[in-house]
Amino acid sequence: MTEPQISVHFRLTKLDAMQAYTLKREIEGAYFIKREGNVDDQEPGVFVGMVPLKETLFDELNDYVIRQQIQYDDCDIFVEAKNTDGNVAVPRIVNKLLKYIDCKLTYALTT
């Protein structure tokens, strides 16, 4: 049986361009992905920020969320497990971050 590959990120789902570039500059290992808007609705694109979950980044991440006035509905903890066909043990660091930032959890499981 192959062990699942688990990655955990703090995800900010509705950043503007300035917030995305600030995130990348201020938090080690952070990156962003541009999500294109809907042309029919004239909706602008948004940026999705990703921060690998490390306890050493909790204070910086919390400060960023407060300074940028990020709403808790616009972020989550994204747990991705690849090569899984059974139970997945979520890393304890997820529980620790929830003590700092109360946000939802999102799981992506692939076999």
N, C-alpha and C. Protein backbone atom coordinates (compact mmCIF):
# COMPACT_ATOMS: atom_id res chain seq x y z
N MET A 1 0.84 -1.18 0.00
CA MET A 1 0.00 0.00 0.00
C MET A 1 0.89 1.25 0.00
N THR A 2 0.57 2.19 -0.85
CA THR A 2 1.32 3.43 -0.96
C THR A 2 0.80 4.45 0.06
N GLU A 3 1.73 5.10 0.73
CA GLU A 3 1.36 6.15 1.69
C GLU A 3 0.83 7.36 0.92
N PRO A 4 -0.24 7.98 1.41
CA PRO A 4 -0.74 9.17 0.72
C PRO A 4 0.25 10.33 0.84
N GLN A 5 0.29 11.15 -0.18
CA GLN A 5 1.09 12.38 -0.17
C GLN A 5 0.14 13.50 0.26
N ILE A 6 0.44 14.12 1.38
CA ILE A 6 -0.46 15.13 1.93
C ILE A 6 0.23 16.49 1.91
N SER A 7 -0.47 17.47 1.37
CA SER A 7 0.02 18.85 1.45
C SER A 7 -1.08 19.70 2.06
N VAL A 8 -0.67 20.69 2.84
CA VAL A 8 -1.62 21.55 3.54
C VAL A 8 -1.20 23.00 3.30
N HIS A 9 -2.16 23.80 2.85
CA HIS A 9 -1.91 25.23 2.60
C HIS A 9 -3.03 26.06 3.22
N PHE A 10 -2.68 27.25 3.61
CA PHE A 10 -3.67 28.26 3.95
C PHE A 10 -3.97 28.96 2.64
N ARG A 11 -5.24 29.01 2.27
CA ARG A 11 -5.61 29.54 0.95
C ARG A 11 -6.48 30.78 1.12
N LEU A 12 -6.11 31.84 0.42
CA LEU A 12 -6.86 33.10 0.41
C LEU A 12 -7.51 33.18 -0.97
N THR A 13 -8.82 33.12 -1.04
CA THR A 13 -9.50 32.88 -2.31
C THR A 13 -9.92 34.10 -3.10
N LYS A 14 -9.84 35.29 -2.53
CA LYS A 14 -10.33 36.48 -3.24
C LYS A 14 -9.40 37.67 -3.06
N LEU A 15 -8.16 37.52 -3.47
CA LEU A 15 -7.22 38.63 -3.36
C LEU A 15 -7.24 39.48 -4.62
N ASP A 16 -6.99 40.77 -4.46
CA ASP A 16 -6.76 41.60 -5.63
C ASP A 16 -5.26 41.53 -5.96
N ALA A 17 -4.85 42.15 -7.04
CA ALA A 17 -3.46 42.05 -7.49
C ALA A 17 -2.47 42.56 -6.43
N MET A 18 -2.77 43.68 -5.81
CA MET A 18 -1.87 44.26 -4.81
C MET A 18 -1.74 43.33 -3.60
N GLN A 19 -2.86 42.78 -3.14
CA GLN A 19 -2.81 41.85 -2.00
C GLN A 19 -2.01 40.59 -2.35
N ALA A 20 -2.16 40.11 -3.58
CA ALA A 20 -1.45 38.89 -4.00
C ALA A 20 0.06 39.12 -4.01
N TYR A 21 0.49 40.23 -4.59
CA TYR A 21 1.93 40.51 -4.65
C TYR A 21 2.50 40.81 -3.26
N THR A 22 1.70 41.45 -2.40
CA THR A 22 2.13 41.71 -1.03
C THR A 22 2.29 40.39 -0.28
N LEU A 23 1.36 39.48 -0.45
CA LEU A 23 1.45 38.17 0.19
C LEU A 23 2.75 37.46 -0.19
N LYS A 24 3.03 37.44 -1.47
CA LYS A 24 4.25 36.76 -1.96
C LYS A 24 5.51 37.41 -1.39
N ARG A 25 5.51 38.72 -1.27
CA ARG A 25 6.67 39.44 -0.77
C ARG A 25 6.84 39.30 0.75
N GLU A 26 5.73 39.23 1.48
CA GLU A 26 5.81 39.28 2.94
C GLU A 26 5.90 37.92 3.64
N ILE A 27 5.43 36.85 3.00
CA ILE A 27 5.38 35.56 3.68
C ILE A 27 6.20 34.53 2.90
N GLU A 28 7.16 33.96 3.58
CA GLU A 28 8.07 32.98 2.98
C GLU A 28 7.31 31.80 2.38
N GLY A 29 7.60 31.49 1.12
CA GLY A 29 7.00 30.34 0.46
C GLY A 29 5.62 30.58 -0.11
N ALA A 30 5.06 31.77 0.12
CA ALA A 30 3.72 32.08 -0.39
C ALA A 30 3.77 32.30 -1.90
N TYR A 31 2.70 31.93 -2.56
CA TYR A 31 2.57 32.17 -3.99
C TYR A 31 1.10 32.38 -4.31
N PHE A 32 0.81 32.76 -5.54
CA PHE A 32 -0.58 32.99 -5.92
C PHE A 32 -0.83 32.50 -7.33
N ILE A 33 -2.11 32.27 -7.60
CA ILE A 33 -2.57 31.83 -8.91
C ILE A 33 -3.66 32.80 -9.33
N LYS A 34 -3.61 33.23 -10.58
CA LYS A 34 -4.66 34.13 -11.07
C LYS A 34 -5.81 33.30 -11.60
N ARG A 35 -7.00 33.59 -11.11
CA ARG A 35 -8.21 32.94 -11.59
C ARG A 35 -8.93 33.96 -12.47
N GLU A 36 -9.11 33.62 -13.72
CA GLU A 36 -9.73 34.54 -14.67
C GLU A 36 -11.18 34.79 -14.31
N GLY A 37 -11.64 35.99 -14.61
CA GLY A 37 -13.03 36.35 -14.34
C GLY A 37 -13.96 35.82 -15.42
N ASN A 38 -15.22 36.06 -15.24
CA ASN A 38 -16.24 35.65 -16.18
C ASN A 38 -16.47 36.78 -17.17
N VAL A 39 -16.17 36.54 -18.43
CA VAL A 39 -16.28 37.57 -19.46
C VAL A 39 -17.73 38.02 -19.64
N ASP A 40 -18.67 37.08 -19.58
CA ASP A 40 -20.08 37.42 -19.78
C ASP A 40 -20.60 38.39 -18.73
N ASP A 41 -20.15 38.22 -17.50
CA ASP A 41 -20.63 39.06 -16.40
C ASP A 41 -19.73 40.27 -16.13
N GLN A 42 -18.70 40.44 -16.95
CA GLN A 42 -17.74 41.52 -16.75
C GLN A 42 -17.11 41.45 -15.36
N GLU A 43 -16.96 40.24 -14.86
CA GLU A 43 -16.37 40.01 -13.54
C GLU A 43 -14.85 40.02 -13.67
N PRO A 44 -14.17 40.82 -12.87
CA PRO A 44 -12.72 40.82 -12.96
C PRO A 44 -12.12 39.53 -12.39
N GLY A 45 -10.92 39.22 -12.80
CA GLY A 45 -10.24 38.06 -12.24
C GLY A 45 -9.83 38.32 -10.80
N VAL A 46 -9.66 37.25 -10.07
CA VAL A 46 -9.17 37.36 -8.70
C VAL A 46 -7.93 36.49 -8.58
N PHE A 47 -7.20 36.72 -7.52
CA PHE A 47 -6.00 35.94 -7.25
C PHE A 47 -6.26 35.04 -6.05
N VAL A 48 -5.73 33.83 -6.13
CA VAL A 48 -5.83 32.89 -5.02
C VAL A 48 -4.43 32.76 -4.43
N GLY A 49 -4.29 33.16 -3.17
CA GLY A 49 -3.00 33.08 -2.49
C GLY A 49 -2.87 31.75 -1.77
N MET A 50 -1.67 31.18 -1.82
CA MET A 50 -1.39 29.90 -1.17
C MET A 50 -0.18 30.06 -0.27
N VAL A 51 -0.33 29.62 0.99
CA VAL A 51 0.76 29.68 1.95
C VAL A 51 0.93 28.29 2.54
N PRO A 52 2.11 27.67 2.35
CA PRO A 52 2.32 26.36 2.96
C PRO A 52 2.20 26.47 4.47
N LEU A 53 1.54 25.50 5.07
CA LEU A 53 1.29 25.56 6.51
C LEU A 53 2.54 25.17 7.29
N LYS A 54 3.11 26.18 7.96
CA LYS A 54 4.26 26.00 8.85
C LYS A 54 3.98 26.83 10.09
N GLU A 55 4.23 26.26 11.23
CA GLU A 55 3.94 26.96 12.48
C GLU A 55 4.72 28.27 12.59
N THR A 56 5.91 28.31 12.01
CA THR A 56 6.73 29.52 12.08
C THR A 56 6.11 30.69 11.33
N LEU A 57 5.13 30.42 10.48
CA LEU A 57 4.49 31.48 9.69
C LEU A 57 3.16 31.96 10.27
N PHE A 58 2.70 31.36 11.35
CA PHE A 58 1.37 31.69 11.88
C PHE A 58 1.22 33.17 12.22
N ASP A 59 2.18 33.75 12.91
CA ASP A 59 2.07 35.16 13.29
C ASP A 59 2.05 36.06 12.07
N GLU A 60 2.94 35.80 11.11
CA GLU A 60 2.98 36.60 9.89
C GLU A 60 1.67 36.48 9.12
N LEU A 61 1.15 35.28 9.05
CA LEU A 61 -0.09 35.03 8.33
C LEU A 61 -1.26 35.74 9.01
N ASN A 62 -1.35 35.63 10.31
CA ASN A 62 -2.40 36.31 11.06
C ASN A 62 -2.31 37.82 10.87
N ASP A 63 -1.10 38.37 10.96
CA ASP A 63 -0.91 39.81 10.75
C ASP A 63 -1.35 40.23 9.34
N TYR A 64 -0.99 39.41 8.34
CA TYR A 64 -1.36 39.72 6.96
C TYR A 64 -2.89 39.76 6.82
N VAL A 65 -3.57 38.77 7.35
CA VAL A 65 -5.03 38.70 7.25
C VAL A 65 -5.67 39.93 7.89
N ILE A 66 -5.15 40.35 9.02
CA ILE A 66 -5.69 41.54 9.71
C ILE A 66 -5.38 42.81 8.92
N ARG A 67 -4.11 42.99 8.51
CA ARG A 67 -3.73 44.21 7.77
C ARG A 67 -4.48 44.36 6.46
N GLN A 68 -4.67 43.25 5.75
CA GLN A 68 -5.34 43.30 4.45
C GLN A 68 -6.85 43.21 4.56
N GLN A 69 -7.36 43.12 5.79
CA GLN A 69 -8.80 43.04 6.06
C GLN A 69 -9.47 41.91 5.28
N ILE A 70 -8.84 40.73 5.34
CA ILE A 70 -9.36 39.54 4.69
C ILE A 70 -10.51 38.99 5.53
N GLN A 71 -11.62 38.70 4.90
CA GLN A 71 -12.76 38.10 5.58
C GLN A 71 -12.51 36.60 5.75
N TYR A 72 -12.92 36.04 6.86
CA TYR A 72 -12.71 34.62 7.10
C TYR A 72 -13.45 33.75 6.08
N ASP A 73 -14.51 34.27 5.49
CA ASP A 73 -15.21 33.52 4.44
C ASP A 73 -14.41 33.45 3.15
N ASP A 74 -13.38 34.28 3.04
CA ASP A 74 -12.55 34.33 1.83
C ASP A 74 -11.23 33.59 2.00
N CYS A 75 -11.17 32.68 2.96
CA CYS A 75 -9.97 31.88 3.14
C CYS A 75 -10.34 30.51 3.69
N ASP A 76 -9.43 29.58 3.54
CA ASP A 76 -9.64 28.25 4.09
C ASP A 76 -8.29 27.55 4.28
N ILE A 77 -8.36 26.42 4.94
CA ILE A 77 -7.20 25.54 5.03
C ILE A 77 -7.45 24.44 4.01
N PHE A 78 -6.57 24.33 3.05
CA PHE A 78 -6.74 23.40 1.93
C PHE A 78 -5.84 22.18 2.15
N VAL A 79 -6.47 21.04 2.39
CA VAL A 79 -5.75 19.79 2.61
C VAL A 79 -5.90 18.95 1.36
N GLU A 80 -4.79 18.63 0.75
CA GLU A 80 -4.81 17.82 -0.47
C GLU A 80 -4.07 16.51 -0.22
N ALA A 81 -4.75 15.40 -0.48
CA ALA A 81 -4.15 14.08 -0.29
C ALA A 81 -4.17 13.35 -1.63
N LYS A 82 -2.99 12.97 -2.09
CA LYS A 82 -2.86 12.23 -3.35
C LYS A 82 -2.50 10.78 -3.04
N ASN A 83 -2.86 9.90 -3.94
CA ASN A 83 -2.58 8.46 -3.80
C ASN A 83 -3.23 7.89 -2.55
N THR A 84 -4.46 8.27 -2.32
CA THR A 84 -5.15 7.76 -1.13
C THR A 84 -6.32 6.89 -1.55
N ASP A 85 -6.49 5.82 -0.84
CA ASP A 85 -7.64 4.95 -1.09
C ASP A 85 -8.30 4.54 0.24
N GLY A 86 -8.03 5.32 1.24
CA GLY A 86 -8.61 5.01 2.56
C GLY A 86 -8.59 6.24 3.44
N ASN A 87 -8.33 6.04 4.69
CA ASN A 87 -8.30 7.14 5.65
C ASN A 87 -7.08 8.03 5.44
N VAL A 88 -7.27 9.30 5.73
CA VAL A 88 -6.18 10.28 5.63
C VAL A 88 -6.02 10.93 7.00
N ALA A 89 -4.82 10.87 7.54
CA ALA A 89 -4.54 11.52 8.81
C ALA A 89 -4.17 12.98 8.53
N VAL A 90 -5.02 13.88 8.95
CA VAL A 90 -4.77 15.30 8.74
C VAL A 90 -3.70 15.74 9.72
N PRO A 91 -2.67 16.43 9.23
CA PRO A 91 -1.58 16.86 10.12
C PRO A 91 -2.08 17.73 11.27
N ARG A 92 -1.48 17.58 12.41
CA ARG A 92 -1.86 18.31 13.63
C ARG A 92 -1.73 19.83 13.46
N ILE A 93 -0.88 20.26 12.56
CA ILE A 93 -0.68 21.70 12.35
C ILE A 93 -1.99 22.38 11.94
N VAL A 94 -2.89 21.65 11.32
CA VAL A 94 -4.19 22.21 10.94
C VAL A 94 -4.95 22.65 12.20
N ASN A 95 -4.96 21.82 13.22
CA ASN A 95 -5.63 22.18 14.48
C ASN A 95 -4.98 23.41 15.11
N LYS A 96 -3.66 23.47 15.03
CA LYS A 96 -2.95 24.61 15.63
C LYS A 96 -3.32 25.91 14.93
N LEU A 97 -3.41 25.89 13.59
CA LEU A 97 -3.75 27.12 12.87
C LEU A 97 -5.17 27.56 13.19
N LEU A 98 -6.07 26.62 13.37
CA LEU A 98 -7.46 26.98 13.67
C LEU A 98 -7.58 27.77 14.97
N LYS A 99 -6.58 27.66 15.86
CA LYS A 99 -6.58 28.45 17.09
C LYS A 99 -6.24 29.91 16.79
N TYR A 100 -5.50 30.16 15.69
CA TYR A 100 -5.14 31.51 15.28
C TYR A 100 -6.22 32.13 14.39
N ILE A 101 -6.62 31.36 13.38
CA ILE A 101 -7.55 31.86 12.38
C ILE A 101 -8.68 30.84 12.23
N ASP A 102 -9.87 31.24 12.58
CA ASP A 102 -11.02 30.34 12.51
C ASP A 102 -11.59 30.37 11.10
N CYS A 103 -11.20 29.40 10.29
CA CYS A 103 -11.65 29.36 8.90
C CYS A 103 -12.13 27.96 8.56
N LYS A 104 -12.74 27.84 7.41
CA LYS A 104 -13.25 26.53 7.01
C LYS A 104 -12.13 25.64 6.50
N LEU A 105 -12.43 24.35 6.41
CA LEU A 105 -11.49 23.36 5.89
C LEU A 105 -12.01 22.86 4.54
N THR A 106 -11.09 22.69 3.60
CA THR A 106 -11.44 22.15 2.29
C THR A 106 -10.50 20.99 2.01
N TYR A 107 -11.08 19.88 1.55
CA TYR A 107 -10.28 18.68 1.27
C TYR A 107 -10.37 18.33 -0.20
N ALA A 108 -9.23 17.92 -0.76
CA ALA A 108 -9.16 17.38 -2.11
C ALA A 108 -8.49 16.02 -2.01
N LEU A 109 -9.20 14.96 -2.37
CA LEU A 109 -8.68 13.60 -2.26
C LEU A 109 -8.63 12.98 -3.66
N THR A 110 -7.48 12.43 -4.02
CA THR A 110 -7.34 11.76 -5.30
C THR A 110 -6.70 10.39 -5.10
N THR A 111 -7.03 9.48 -6.00
CA THR A 111 -6.45 8.13 -5.91
C THR A 111 -5.36 7.96 -6.94
